[in-house]
Amino acid sequence: MTTITLKGEPIQTAGNLPQIGTKAPNFSLTKTDLTDVTLESFSPKRLLLNIFPSLDTAVCAQSVRTFNLKASGVADLTILCISQDLPFAHKRFCDTENIRNVMTLSCFRNPKFGQDYGVTITSGPLRGLLSRAIVLIDTNGKVLYTQQVPEITQEPDYRSVLSQLEG
């Protein structure tokens, strides 16, 4: 269990992010066309998992926009933006915002994703949604970097994430 905050109030997640150097847990997530993808679907590319509660919040929407712009030009990298939002909401957001450089995925069919990655919020008003976190996975499926954002109303530390991609 990890303790983070929501507007300064403590809330907990179901576990901890995967440890650096370990094999990333497999997943099955749903694309906007309602087909499912797995971790292996993206091999041999590096993956940046941008995990967040909902596109219907300003901070979550901004993180998708930022990664769409900043990290999209990195070679052999696929950026996955993951939330509990339905695929229809993901599609509507991407169409409205002209998001083309990241893939949005929903875990609505597979809540096990949040458990396996330690990001399901287990207390407070956002209980059941995903926390704000980043997981960077290498071409061999190993976890290279993680970031659990300590205050859910804050954006990820983009500079730290992007420096990992350059190094």
Protein backbone atom coordinates (compact mmCIF):
# COMPACT_ATOMS: atom_id res chain seq x y z
CA MET A 1 0.00 0.00 0.00
CA THR A 2 1.20 3.47 -0.88
CA THR A 3 -0.12 6.63 0.75
CA ILE A 4 -0.62 9.64 -1.53
CA THR A 5 -2.75 12.72 -1.02
CA LEU A 6 -5.80 14.30 -2.62
CA LYS A 7 -5.83 18.03 -1.84
CA GLY A 8 -3.62 17.30 1.15
CA GLU A 9 -5.80 14.50 2.56
CA PRO A 10 -4.19 11.03 2.72
CA ILE A 11 -5.53 8.28 0.46
CA GLN A 12 -4.10 4.84 -0.26
CA THR A 13 -3.39 2.70 -3.30
CA ALA A 14 -3.69 -1.08 -3.58
CA GLY A 15 0.05 -1.61 -3.52
CA ASN A 16 3.28 -0.24 -4.86
CA LEU A 17 4.54 0.46 -8.35
CA PRO A 18 6.60 -2.36 -9.89
CA GLN A 19 10.22 -2.34 -8.78
CA ILE A 20 12.87 -1.01 -11.14
CA GLY A 21 14.68 -3.89 -12.84
CA THR A 22 11.78 -6.33 -12.55
CA LYS A 23 9.67 -7.65 -15.40
CA ALA A 24 6.66 -5.41 -15.96
CA PRO A 25 3.37 -7.15 -15.15
CA ASN A 26 1.46 -8.21 -18.25
CA PHE A 27 -1.79 -6.40 -18.93
CA SER A 28 -4.82 -6.42 -21.17
CA LEU A 29 -6.24 -2.96 -21.88
CA THR A 30 -8.93 -1.71 -24.24
CA LYS A 31 -8.32 0.68 -27.16
CA THR A 32 -10.82 3.25 -28.42
CA ASP A 33 -11.97 0.78 -31.13
CA LEU A 34 -12.85 -1.68 -28.31
CA THR A 35 -10.09 -4.15 -29.20
CA ASP A 36 -7.73 -5.29 -26.49
CA VAL A 37 -3.93 -5.04 -26.38
CA THR A 38 -1.39 -6.67 -24.09
CA LEU A 39 2.11 -5.75 -22.98
CA GLU A 40 3.50 -8.12 -25.63
CA SER A 41 1.53 -6.28 -28.35
CA PHE A 42 4.08 -3.48 -28.14
CA SER A 43 7.31 -5.49 -28.22
CA PRO A 44 10.08 -4.53 -29.01
CA LYS A 45 9.30 -0.86 -28.33
CA ARG A 46 9.92 1.00 -25.11
CA LEU A 47 6.72 1.96 -23.32
CA LEU A 48 5.86 4.96 -21.22
CA LEU A 49 2.74 4.29 -19.17
CA ASN A 50 1.04 7.55 -18.20
CA ILE A 51 -1.49 6.34 -15.61
CA PHE A 52 -4.14 8.69 -14.20
CA PRO A 53 -7.65 8.87 -12.64
CA SER A 54 -9.78 10.38 -15.43
CA LEU A 55 -9.59 12.48 -18.58
CA ASP A 56 -12.44 14.51 -17.12
CA THR A 57 -10.03 16.31 -14.78
CA ALA A 58 -7.82 19.18 -15.90
CA VAL A 59 -4.55 17.69 -14.61
CA CYS A 60 -5.13 14.30 -16.24
CA ALA A 61 -6.08 15.91 -19.54
CA GLN A 62 -2.98 18.10 -19.37
CA SER A 63 -0.69 15.12 -18.82
CA VAL A 64 -2.01 13.50 -22.01
CA ARG A 65 -1.54 16.75 -23.95
CA THR A 66 1.98 17.21 -22.58
CA PHE A 67 3.13 13.69 -23.41
CA ASN A 68 1.48 14.00 -26.83
CA LEU A 69 3.76 16.99 -27.51
CA LYS A 70 6.98 16.39 -25.55
CA ALA A 71 7.72 12.71 -25.71
CA SER A 72 6.17 11.78 -29.03
CA GLY A 73 9.38 12.32 -30.99
CA VAL A 74 11.46 9.85 -28.97
CA ALA A 75 12.58 6.89 -31.12
CA ASP A 76 11.18 3.44 -30.37
CA LEU A 77 8.83 4.73 -27.70
CA THR A 78 5.10 4.17 -27.45
CA ILE A 79 3.21 6.31 -24.97
CA LEU A 80 0.17 4.68 -23.38
CA CYS A 81 -2.24 6.91 -21.47
CA ILE A 82 -4.24 4.67 -19.15
CA SER A 83 -7.33 5.30 -17.01
CA GLN A 84 -10.65 3.76 -15.98
CA ASP A 85 -12.47 6.06 -18.44
CA LEU A 86 -14.50 4.22 -21.06
CA PRO A 87 -12.94 3.93 -24.53
CA PHE A 88 -15.69 6.23 -25.86
CA ALA A 89 -14.50 9.03 -23.55
CA HIS A 90 -10.90 8.42 -24.63
CA LYS A 91 -11.88 8.67 -28.30
CA ARG A 92 -13.94 11.82 -27.76
CA PHE A 93 -11.08 13.47 -25.86
CA CYS A 94 -8.45 12.55 -28.47
CA ASP A 95 -10.66 13.70 -31.36
CA THR A 96 -11.52 17.00 -29.64
CA GLU A 97 -7.92 17.70 -28.57
CA ASN A 98 -6.31 16.40 -31.79
CA ILE A 99 -4.26 13.86 -29.80
CA ARG A 100 -2.43 11.66 -32.32
CA ASN A 101 0.96 10.78 -30.81
CA VAL A 102 -0.15 8.73 -27.81
CA MET A 103 -2.49 5.78 -27.41
CA THR A 104 -5.24 6.02 -24.82
CA LEU A 105 -6.27 2.78 -23.14
CA SER A 106 -8.97 1.85 -20.67
CA CYS A 107 -8.77 -0.76 -17.92
CA PHE A 108 -12.56 -0.91 -17.56
CA ARG A 109 -12.57 -4.57 -18.68
CA ASN A 110 -9.56 -5.51 -16.61
CA PRO A 111 -9.32 -3.84 -13.20
CA LYS A 112 -6.48 -6.28 -12.46
CA PHE A 113 -4.19 -3.75 -14.18
CA GLY A 114 -4.56 -1.34 -11.24
CA GLN A 115 -3.87 -4.10 -8.75
CA ASP A 116 -0.85 -5.48 -10.64
CA TYR A 117 0.71 -2.02 -11.02
CA GLY A 118 -0.24 -0.93 -7.47
CA VAL A 119 -2.21 2.11 -8.65
CA THR A 120 -5.85 1.38 -7.75
CA ILE A 121 -6.98 3.94 -5.20
CA THR A 122 -8.52 2.08 -2.24
CA SER A 123 -9.75 4.93 -0.04
CA GLY A 124 -11.26 8.40 -0.28
CA PRO A 125 -13.58 9.93 -2.87
CA LEU A 126 -11.57 8.59 -5.85
CA ARG A 127 -11.72 5.00 -4.55
CA GLY A 128 -11.68 2.57 -7.50
CA LEU A 129 -9.91 4.94 -9.90
CA LEU A 130 -6.20 4.83 -10.73
CA SER A 131 -3.60 7.05 -9.09
CA ARG A 132 -1.33 9.34 -11.11
CA ALA A 133 1.84 7.43 -11.93
CA ILE A 134 4.46 6.88 -14.62
CA VAL A 135 6.10 3.56 -15.52
CA LEU A 136 8.83 3.34 -18.16
CA ILE A 137 9.41 -0.14 -19.63
CA ASP A 138 12.40 -1.12 -21.80
CA THR A 139 12.38 -3.22 -25.00
CA ASN A 140 12.81 -6.41 -22.95
CA GLY A 141 9.78 -5.71 -20.74
CA LYS A 142 11.80 -4.59 -17.71
CA VAL A 143 10.80 -1.62 -15.57
CA LEU A 144 13.35 1.20 -16.05
CA TYR A 145 11.72 4.03 -14.09
CA THR A 146 8.66 4.69 -11.96
CA GLN A 147 7.07 7.78 -10.51
CA GLN A 148 4.12 7.77 -8.10
CA VAL A 149 2.90 11.37 -8.04
CA PRO A 150 2.51 12.09 -4.30
CA GLU A 151 -0.36 14.63 -4.62
CA ILE A 152 -2.96 13.52 -7.13
CA THR A 153 -3.82 17.11 -8.13
CA GLN A 154 -0.23 17.65 -9.37
CA GLU A 155 1.14 16.80 -12.80
CA PRO A 156 3.93 14.25 -13.14
CA ASP A 157 7.54 15.45 -13.04
CA TYR A 158 7.92 15.56 -16.84
CA ARG A 159 11.55 16.66 -16.70
CA SER A 160 12.51 13.59 -14.69
CA VAL A 161 10.58 11.26 -17.01
CA LEU A 162 12.01 12.80 -20.17
CA SER A 163 15.56 12.69 -18.80
CA GLN A 164 15.13 8.92 -18.34
CA LEU A 165 14.21 8.64 -22.02
CA GLU A 166 17.34 10.51 -23.09
CA GLY A 167 19.72 8.57 -20.84
